[in-house]
PDB file of N, CA and C in Angstrom:
ATOM      1  N   UNK A   1     122.581 108.265  93.003  1.00  0.00           N
ATOM      2  CA  UNK A   1     121.457 107.922  92.073  1.00  0.00           C
ATOM      3  C   UNK A   1     121.542 106.316  91.843  1.00  0.00           C
ATOM      4  N   UNK A   2     120.179 106.071  92.439  1.00  0.00           N
ATOM      5  CA  UNK A   2     119.906 104.579  92.595  1.00  0.00           C
ATOM      6  C   UNK A   2     119.930 103.824  91.323  1.00  0.00           C
ATOM      7  N   UNK A   3     120.594 102.291  91.350  1.00  0.00           N
ATOM      8  CA  UNK A   3     120.840 101.719  90.072  1.00  0.00           C
ATOM      9  C   UNK A   3     119.559 101.218  89.720  1.00  0.00           C
ATOM     10  N   UNK A   4     119.439 100.997  88.595  1.00  0.00           N
ATOM     11  CA  UNK A   4     118.222 100.614  87.743  1.00  0.00           C
ATOM     12  C   UNK A   4     117.875  99.336  88.207  1.00  0.00           C
ATOM     13  N   UNK A   5     118.347  98.184  88.740  1.00  0.00           N
ATOM     14  CA  UNK A   5     117.743  97.129  89.404  1.00  0.00           C
ATOM     15  C   UNK A   5     117.044  97.510  90.572  1.00  0.00           C
ATOM     16  N   UNK A   6     117.586  98.512  91.647  1.00  0.00           N
ATOM     17  CA  UNK A   6     116.871  98.866  92.905  1.00  0.00           C
ATOM     18  C   UNK A   6     115.453  99.651  92.236  1.00  0.00           C
ATOM     19  N   UNK A   7     115.575 100.524  91.285  1.00  0.00           N
ATOM     20  CA  UNK A   7     114.304 101.371  90.973  1.00  0.00           C
ATOM     21  C   UNK A   7     113.394 100.345  90.234  1.00  0.00           C
ATOM     22  N   UNK A   8     113.697  99.309  89.744  1.00  0.00           N
ATOM     23  CA  UNK A   8     112.883  98.280  88.950  1.00  0.00           C
ATOM     24  C   UNK A   8     112.330  97.397  90.246  1.00  0.00           C
ATOM     25  N   UNK A   9     113.071  96.972  91.292  1.00  0.00           N
ATOM     26  CA  UNK A   9     112.437  96.176  92.333  1.00  0.00           C
ATOM     27  C   UNK A   9     111.520  97.078  93.183  1.00  0.00           C
ATOM     28  N   UNK A  10     111.651  98.476  93.191  1.00  0.00           N
ATOM     29  CA  UNK A  10     110.653  99.572  94.034  1.00  0.00           C
ATOM     30  C   UNK A  10     109.538  99.587  93.379  1.00  0.00           C
ATOM     31  N   UNK A  11     109.566  99.727  91.891  1.00  0.00           N
ATOM     32  CA  UNK A  11     108.344  99.803  90.972  1.00  0.00           C
ATOM     33  C   UNK A  11     107.572  98.460  91.070  1.00  0.00           C
ATOM     34  N   UNK A  12     108.033  97.269  90.833  1.00  0.00           N
ATOM     35  CA  UNK A  12     107.610  96.041  91.156  1.00  0.00           C
ATOM     36  C   UNK A  12     106.885  95.967  92.402  1.00  0.00           C
ATOM     37  N   UNK A  13     107.599  96.164  93.450  1.00  0.00           N
ATOM     38  CA  UNK A  13     107.049  96.110  94.681  1.00  0.00           C
ATOM     39  C   UNK A  13     105.590  97.279  94.866  1.00  0.00           C
ATOM     40  N   UNK A  14     105.685  98.138  94.603  1.00  0.00           N
ATOM     41  CA  UNK A  14     104.638  99.244  94.559  1.00  0.00           C
ATOM     42  C   UNK A  14     103.498  98.708  93.666  1.00  0.00           C
ATOM     43  N   UNK A  15     103.821  97.991  92.215  1.00  0.00           N
ATOM     44  CA  UNK A  15     103.030  97.613  91.732  1.00  0.00           C
ATOM     45  C   UNK A  15     102.145  96.619  92.192  1.00  0.00           C
ATOM     46  N   UNK A  16     102.907  95.697  92.831  1.00  0.00           N
ATOM     47  CA  UNK A  16     102.489  94.362  93.670  1.00  0.00           C
ATOM     48  C   UNK A  16     101.465  94.674  94.730  1.00  0.00           C
ATOM     49  N   UNK A  17     102.055  95.700  95.519  1.00  0.00           N
ATOM     50  CA  UNK A  17     101.137  96.023  96.835  1.00  0.00           C
ATOM     51  C   UNK A  17      99.935  96.896  96.350  1.00  0.00           C
ATOM     52  N   UNK A  18      99.768  97.513  95.223  1.00  0.00           N
ATOM     53  CA  UNK A  18      98.540  98.344  94.621  1.00  0.00           C
ATOM     54  C   UNK A  18      97.773  97.012  94.239  1.00  0.00           C
ATOM     55  N   UNK A  19      98.177  96.152  93.559  1.00  0.00           N
ATOM     56  CA  UNK A  19      97.501  94.851  93.039  1.00  0.00           C
ATOM     57  C   UNK A  19      96.647  94.050  94.276  1.00  0.00           C
ATOM     58  N   UNK A  20      97.535  94.113  95.155  1.00  0.00           N
ATOM     59  CA  UNK A  20      97.005  93.348  96.426  1.00  0.00           C
ATOM     60  C   UNK A  20      95.882  94.304  97.021  1.00  0.00           C
ATOM     61  N   UNK A  21      96.341  95.669  97.196  1.00  0.00           N
ATOM     62  CA  UNK A  21      95.247  96.534  97.496  1.00  0.00           C
ATOM     63  C   UNK A  21      93.940  96.223  96.980  1.00  0.00           C
ATOM     64  N   UNK A  22      93.942  96.328  95.590  1.00  0.00           N
ATOM     65  CA  UNK A  22      92.683  96.055  94.779  1.00  0.00           C
ATOM     66  C   UNK A  22      92.128  95.044  95.043  1.00  0.00           C
ATOM     67  N   UNK A  23      92.822  93.892  95.158  1.00  0.00           N
ATOM     68  CA  UNK A  23      92.356  92.738  95.515  1.00  0.00           C
ATOM     69  C   UNK A  23      91.558  92.587  96.695  1.00  0.00           C
ATOM     70  N   UNK A  24      92.168  93.146  97.730  1.00  0.00           N
ATOM     71  CA  UNK A  24      91.636  92.916  99.150  1.00  0.00           C
ATOM     72  C   UNK A  24      90.289  94.080  99.397  1.00  0.00           C
ATOM     73  N   UNK A  25      90.313  95.109  98.188  1.00  0.00           N
ATOM     74  CA  UNK A  25      89.317  95.905  98.298  1.00  0.00           C
ATOM     75  C   UNK A  25      87.989  95.282  97.834  1.00  0.00           C
ATOM     76  N   UNK A  26      88.328  94.610  96.581  1.00  0.00           N
ATOM     77  CA  UNK A  26      87.260  93.533  96.064  1.00  0.00           C
ATOM     78  C   UNK A  26      86.621  92.433  96.882  1.00  0.00           C
ATOM     79  N   UNK A  27      87.497  92.045  97.936  1.00  0.00           N
ATOM     80  CA  UNK A  27      87.156  90.795  98.617  1.00  0.00           C
ATOM     81  C   UNK A  27      86.817  91.439  99.893  1.00  0.00           C
ATOM     82  N   UNK A  28      87.161  92.323 100.744  1.00  0.00           N
ATOM     83  CA  UNK A  28      86.720  92.744 101.497  1.00  0.00           C
ATOM     84  C   UNK A  28      85.705  93.794 101.832  1.00  0.00           C
ATOM     85  N   UNK A  29      85.675  94.496 100.798  1.00  0.00           N
ATOM     86  CA  UNK A  29      84.788  95.696 100.307  1.00  0.00           C
ATOM     87  C   UNK A  29      85.103  96.968 101.119  1.00  0.00           C
ATOM     88  N   UNK A  30      86.245  97.272 101.281  1.00  0.00           N
ATOM     89  CA  UNK A  30      86.420  98.261 102.350  1.00  0.00           C
ATOM     90  C   UNK A  30      87.812  98.976 101.639  1.00  0.00           C
ATOM     91  N   UNK A  31      87.682 100.474 101.622  1.00  0.00           N
ATOM     92  CA  UNK A  31      88.624 101.320 100.882  1.00  0.00           C
ATOM     93  C   UNK A  31      89.885 101.554 101.942  1.00  0.00           C
ATOM     94  N   UNK A  32      89.782 101.310 103.117  1.00  0.00           N
ATOM     95  CA  UNK A  32      90.896 101.485 104.149  1.00  0.00           C
ATOM     96  C   UNK A  32      92.277 100.957 103.789  1.00  0.00           C
ATOM     97  N   UNK A  33      92.085  99.608 103.031  1.00  0.00           N
ATOM     98  CA  UNK A  33      93.332  99.054 102.943  1.00  0.00           C
ATOM     99  C   UNK A  33      94.282  99.691 101.929  1.00  0.00           C
ATOM    100  N   UNK A  34      93.617 100.642 101.201  1.00  0.00           N
ATOM    101  CA  UNK A  34      94.531 101.540 100.225  1.00  0.00           C
ATOM    102  C   UNK A  34      95.299 102.233 100.793  1.00  0.00           C
ATOM    103  N   UNK A  35      95.129 102.535 101.978  1.00  0.00           N
ATOM    104  CA  UNK A  35      96.091 103.700 102.811  1.00  0.00           C
ATOM    105  C   UNK A  35      97.234 102.743 103.453  1.00  0.00           C
ATOM    106  N   UNK A  36      97.256 101.516 103.676  1.00  0.00           N
ATOM    107  CA  UNK A  36      98.264 101.040 104.168  1.00  0.00           C
ATOM    108  C   UNK A  36      99.202  99.977 103.378  1.00  0.00           C
ATOM    109  N   UNK A  37      98.599  99.213 102.468  1.00  0.00           N
ATOM    110  CA  UNK A  37      98.942  98.231 101.742  1.00  0.00           C
ATOM    111  C   UNK A  37     100.221  98.718 100.755  1.00  0.00           C
ATOM    112  N   UNK A  38     100.123 100.113 100.015  1.00  0.00           N
ATOM    113  CA  UNK A  38     100.982 100.385  99.206  1.00  0.00           C
ATOM    114  C   UNK A  38     102.357 100.823  99.905  1.00  0.00           C
ATOM    115  N   UNK A  39     102.595 100.770 101.158  1.00  0.00           N
ATOM    116  CA  UNK A  39     103.621 101.312 101.950  1.00  0.00           C
ATOM    117  C   UNK A  39     104.183  99.910 102.169  1.00  0.00           C
ATOM    118  N   UNK A  40     103.656  98.692 102.273  1.00  0.00           N
ATOM    119  CA  UNK A  40     104.180  97.586 102.770  1.00  0.00           C
ATOM    120  C   UNK A  40     105.820  97.524 102.182  1.00  0.00           C
ATOM    121  N   UNK A  41     106.510  97.718 101.137  1.00  0.00           N
ATOM    122  CA  UNK A  41     107.426  97.676 100.560  1.00  0.00           C
ATOM    123  C   UNK A  41     108.569  98.263 101.526  1.00  0.00           C
ATOM    124  N   UNK A  42     108.151  99.610 101.949  1.00  0.00           N
ATOM    125  CA  UNK A  42     109.189 100.042 102.777  1.00  0.00           C
ATOM    126  C   UNK A  42     109.260  99.521 104.342  1.00  0.00           C
ATOM    127  N   UNK A  43     108.015  98.665 104.507  1.00  0.00           N
ATOM    128  CA  UNK A  43     108.483  97.734 106.090  1.00  0.00           C
ATOM    129  C   UNK A  43     109.544  96.933 105.792  1.00  0.00           C
ATOM    130  N   UNK A  44     109.756  96.418 104.724  1.00  0.00           N
ATOM    131  CA  UNK A  44     110.478  95.259 104.735  1.00  0.00           C
ATOM    132  C   UNK A  44     111.910  95.949 104.035  1.00  0.00           C
ATOM    133  N   UNK A  45     112.144  96.933 103.680  1.00  0.00           N
ATOM    134  CA  UNK A  45     113.212  97.537 103.093  1.00  0.00           C
ATOM    135  C   UNK A  45     114.723  97.275 103.972  1.00  0.00           C
ATOM    136  N   UNK A  46     115.679  96.843 103.425  1.00  0.00           N
ATOM    137  CA  UNK A  46     116.705  96.364 104.135  1.00  0.00           C
ATOM    138  C   UNK A  46     117.538  97.714 104.335  1.00  0.00           C
ATOM    139  N   UNK A  47     118.495  97.725 105.443  1.00  0.00           N
ATOM    140  CA  UNK A  47     119.103  98.980 105.769  1.00  0.00           C
ATOM    141  C   UNK A  47     120.221  99.364 104.628  1.00  0.00           C
ATOM    142  N   UNK A  48     121.253 100.082 105.137  1.00  0.00           N
ATOM    143  CA  UNK A  48     122.201 100.706 103.977  1.00  0.00           C
ATOM    144  C   UNK A  48     123.482  99.663 103.812  1.00  0.00           C
ATOM    145  N   UNK A  49     123.272  98.287 104.508  1.00  0.00           N
ATOM    146  CA  UNK A  49     124.533  97.631 104.468  1.00  0.00           C
ATOM    147  C   UNK A  49     124.695  97.092 103.136  1.00  0.00           C
ATOM    148  N   UNK A  50     123.799  97.062 102.190  1.00  0.00           N
ATOM    149  CA  UNK A  50     123.959  96.644 100.710  1.00  0.00           C
ATOM    150  C   UNK A  50     124.556  97.966  99.934  1.00  0.00           C
ATOM    151  N   UNK A  51     124.529  98.848 100.321  1.00  0.00           N
ATOM    152  CA  UNK A  51     125.022 100.035  99.431  1.00  0.00           C
ATOM    153  C   UNK A  51     126.529  99.838  99.102  1.00  0.00           C
ATOM    154  N   UNK A  52     126.726 100.462  97.946  1.00  0.00           N
ATOM    155  CA  UNK A  52     128.362 100.415  97.681  1.00  0.00           C
ATOM    156  C   UNK A  52     129.011 101.612  98.423  1.00  0.00           C
ATOM    157  N   UNK A  53     130.168 101.561  98.857  1.00  0.00           N
ATOM    158  CA  UNK A  53     131.137 102.636  99.365  1.00  0.00           C
ATOM    159  C   UNK A  53     131.206 103.612  98.224  1.00  0.00           C
ATOM    160  N   UNK A  54     131.248 104.864  98.667  1.00  0.00           N
ATOM    161  CA  UNK A  54     131.447 105.875  97.727  1.00  0.00           C
ATOM    162  C   UNK A  54     132.636 105.781  96.857  1.00  0.00           C
ATOM    163  N   UNK A  55     132.488 106.594  95.618  1.00  0.00           N
ATOM    164  CA  UNK A  55     133.665 106.472  94.922  1.00  0.00           C
ATOM    165  C   UNK A  55     134.699 107.705  95.231  1.00  0.00           C
ATOM    166  N   UNK A  56     135.930 107.265  95.251  1.00  0.00           N
ATOM    167  CA  UNK A  56     136.949 108.261  95.715  1.00  0.00           C
ATOM    168  C   UNK A  56     137.979 108.380  94.471  1.00  0.00           C
ATOM    169  N   UNK A  57     138.414 109.750  94.452  1.00  0.00           N
ATOM    170  CA  UNK A  57     139.115 109.888  93.122  1.00  0.00           C
ATOM    171  C   UNK A  57     140.385 110.531  93.480  1.00  0.00           C
ATOM    172  N   UNK A  58     141.381 110.475  92.861  1.00  0.00           N
ATOM    173  CA  UNK A  58     142.778 111.066  92.781  1.00  0.00           C
ATOM    174  C   UNK A  58     142.625 112.320  92.340  1.00  0.00           C
ATOM    175  N   UNK A  59     142.894 113.465  93.051  1.00  0.00           N
ATOM    176  CA  UNK A  59     142.894 114.687  92.389  1.00  0.00           C
ATOM    177  C   UNK A  59     143.864 114.967  91.312  1.00  0.00           C
ATOM    178  N   UNK A  60     144.998 114.264  91.548  1.00  0.00           N
ATOM    179  CA  UNK A  60     146.238 114.614  90.415  1.00  0.00           C
ATOM    180  C   UNK A  60     145.796 113.820  89.102  1.00  0.00           C
ATOM    181  N   UNK A  61     145.533 112.517  89.246  1.00  0.00           N
ATOM    182  CA  UNK A  61     145.561 111.843  88.028  1.00  0.00           C
ATOM    183  C   UNK A  61     144.071 111.211  87.407  1.00  0.00           C
ATOM    184  N   UNK A  62     143.279 111.468  88.403  1.00  0.00           N
ATOM    185  CA  UNK A  62     141.696 110.981  88.168  1.00  0.00           C
ATOM    186  C   UNK A  62     141.510 109.554  88.673  1.00  0.00           C
ATOM    187  N   UNK A  63     142.604 108.693  89.000  1.00  0.00           N
ATOM    188  CA  UNK A  63     142.444 107.460  89.305  1.00  0.00           C
ATOM    189  C   UNK A  63     140.973 107.317  90.492  1.00  0.00           C
ATOM    190  N   UNK A  64     140.251 106.334  90.059  1.00  0.00           N
ATOM    191  CA  UNK A  64     138.843 106.139  90.887  1.00  0.00           C
ATOM    192  C   UNK A  64     138.690 104.898  91.498  1.00  0.00           C
ATOM    193  N   UNK A  65     138.340 104.655  92.746  1.00  0.00           N
ATOM    194  CA  UNK A  65     138.037 103.602  93.418  1.00  0.00           C
ATOM    195  C   UNK A  65     136.856 103.466  94.198  1.00  0.00           C
ATOM    196  N   UNK A  66     136.444 102.277  94.549  1.00  0.00           N
ATOM    197  CA  UNK A  66     135.565 101.963  95.697  1.00  0.00           C
ATOM    198  C   UNK A  66     135.929 101.086  96.722  1.00  0.00           C
ATOM    199  N   UNK A  67     137.123 100.846  96.569  1.00  0.00           N
ATOM    200  CA  UNK A  67     137.761  99.959  97.641  1.00  0.00           C
ATOM    201  C   UNK A  67     138.183 100.728  98.876  1.00  0.00           C
ATOM    202  N   UNK A  68     137.788 100.198 100.048  1.00  0.00           N
ATOM    203  CA  UNK A  68     137.666 100.939 101.208  1.00  0.00           C
ATOM    204  C   UNK A  68     139.129 100.978 101.983  1.00  0.00           C
ATOM    205  N   UNK A  69     139.876  99.862 101.539  1.00  0.00           N
ATOM    206  CA  UNK A  69     141.251  99.794 101.947  1.00  0.00           C
ATOM    207  C   UNK A  69     142.371 100.718 101.192  1.00  0.00           C
ATOM    208  N   UNK A  70     141.946 101.505 100.309  1.00  0.00           N
ATOM    209  CA  UNK A  70     142.708 102.257  99.565  1.00  0.00           C
ATOM    210  C   UNK A  70     142.536 103.736 100.067  1.00  0.00           C
ATOM    211  N   UNK A  71     143.798 104.356 100.627  1.00  0.00           N
ATOM    212  CA  UNK A  71     143.550 105.741 101.264  1.00  0.00           C
ATOM    213  C   UNK A  71     144.691 106.630 100.274  1.00  0.00           C
ATOM    214  N   UNK A  72     145.233 106.164  99.602  1.00  0.00           N
ATOM    215  CA  UNK A  72     146.280 106.743  98.463  1.00  0.00           C
ATOM    216  C   UNK A  72     146.398 106.339  97.045  1.00  0.00           C
ATOM    217  N   UNK A  73     146.601 107.063  96.158  1.00  0.00           N
ATOM    218  CA  UNK A  73     146.621 106.757  94.850  1.00  0.00           C
ATOM    219  C   UNK A  73     147.779 105.705  94.541  1.00  0.00           C
ATOM    220  N   UNK A  74     147.567 104.591  94.028  1.00  0.00           N
ATOM    221  CA  UNK A  74     148.646 103.418  93.728  1.00  0.00           C
ATOM    222  C   UNK A  74     149.474 104.170  92.459  1.00  0.00           C
ATOM    223  N   UNK A  75     149.006 105.068  91.932  1.00  0.00           N
ATOM    224  CA  UNK A  75     149.985 105.726  90.782  1.00  0.00           C
ATOM    225  C   UNK A  75     150.916 106.648  91.170  1.00  0.00           C
ATOM    226  N   UNK A  76     150.253 107.533  92.035  1.00  0.00           N
ATOM    227  CA  UNK A  76     151.455 108.588  92.410  1.00  0.00           C
ATOM    228  C   UNK A  76     151.433 108.909  93.899  1.00  0.00           C
ATOM    229  N   UNK A  77     150.625 108.283  94.695  1.00  0.00           N
ATOM    230  CA  UNK A  77     150.664 108.498  96.435  1.00  0.00           C
ATOM    231  C   UNK A  77     149.876 109.481  96.629  1.00  0.00           C
ATOM    232  N   UNK A  78     148.855 110.177  95.854  1.00  0.00           N
ATOM    233  CA  UNK A  78     148.517 111.292  96.313  1.00  0.00           C
ATOM    234  C   UNK A  78     146.982 110.828  97.306  1.00  0.00           C
ATOM    235  N   UNK A  79     146.749 111.320  98.306  1.00  0.00           N
ATOM    236  CA  UNK A  79     145.660 110.947  99.055  1.00  0.00           C
ATOM    237  C   UNK A  79     144.238 111.019  98.456  1.00  0.00           C
ATOM    238  N   UNK A  80     143.491 110.048  98.570  1.00  0.00           N
ATOM    239  CA  UNK A  80     142.142 110.138  97.543  1.00  0.00           C
ATOM    240  C   UNK A  80     141.326 110.868  97.965  1.00  0.00           C
ATOM    241  N   UNK A  81     140.346 111.655  97.602  1.00  0.00           N
ATOM    242  CA  UNK A  81     139.423 112.408  98.087  1.00  0.00           C
ATOM    243  C   UNK A  81     137.951 111.841  97.857  1.00  0.00           C
TER     244      UNK A  81
END
């Protein structure tokens, strides 16, 4: 599930691109820009390097972590899933 800040950023980017599309339509008097400008935020979208690692859980005690260096639960030594 995307975080609220990413969702808000996407919504603001889409709204801004639509406003630019309307302004371009008024200035250039062509409807073709509506086909391209709303997709501009997708062109500058970063890769997955900023995504958080998945949550891994201990099946025995419920310990949860996102740390990539933890392979085993620090409480009971069970391998994380």
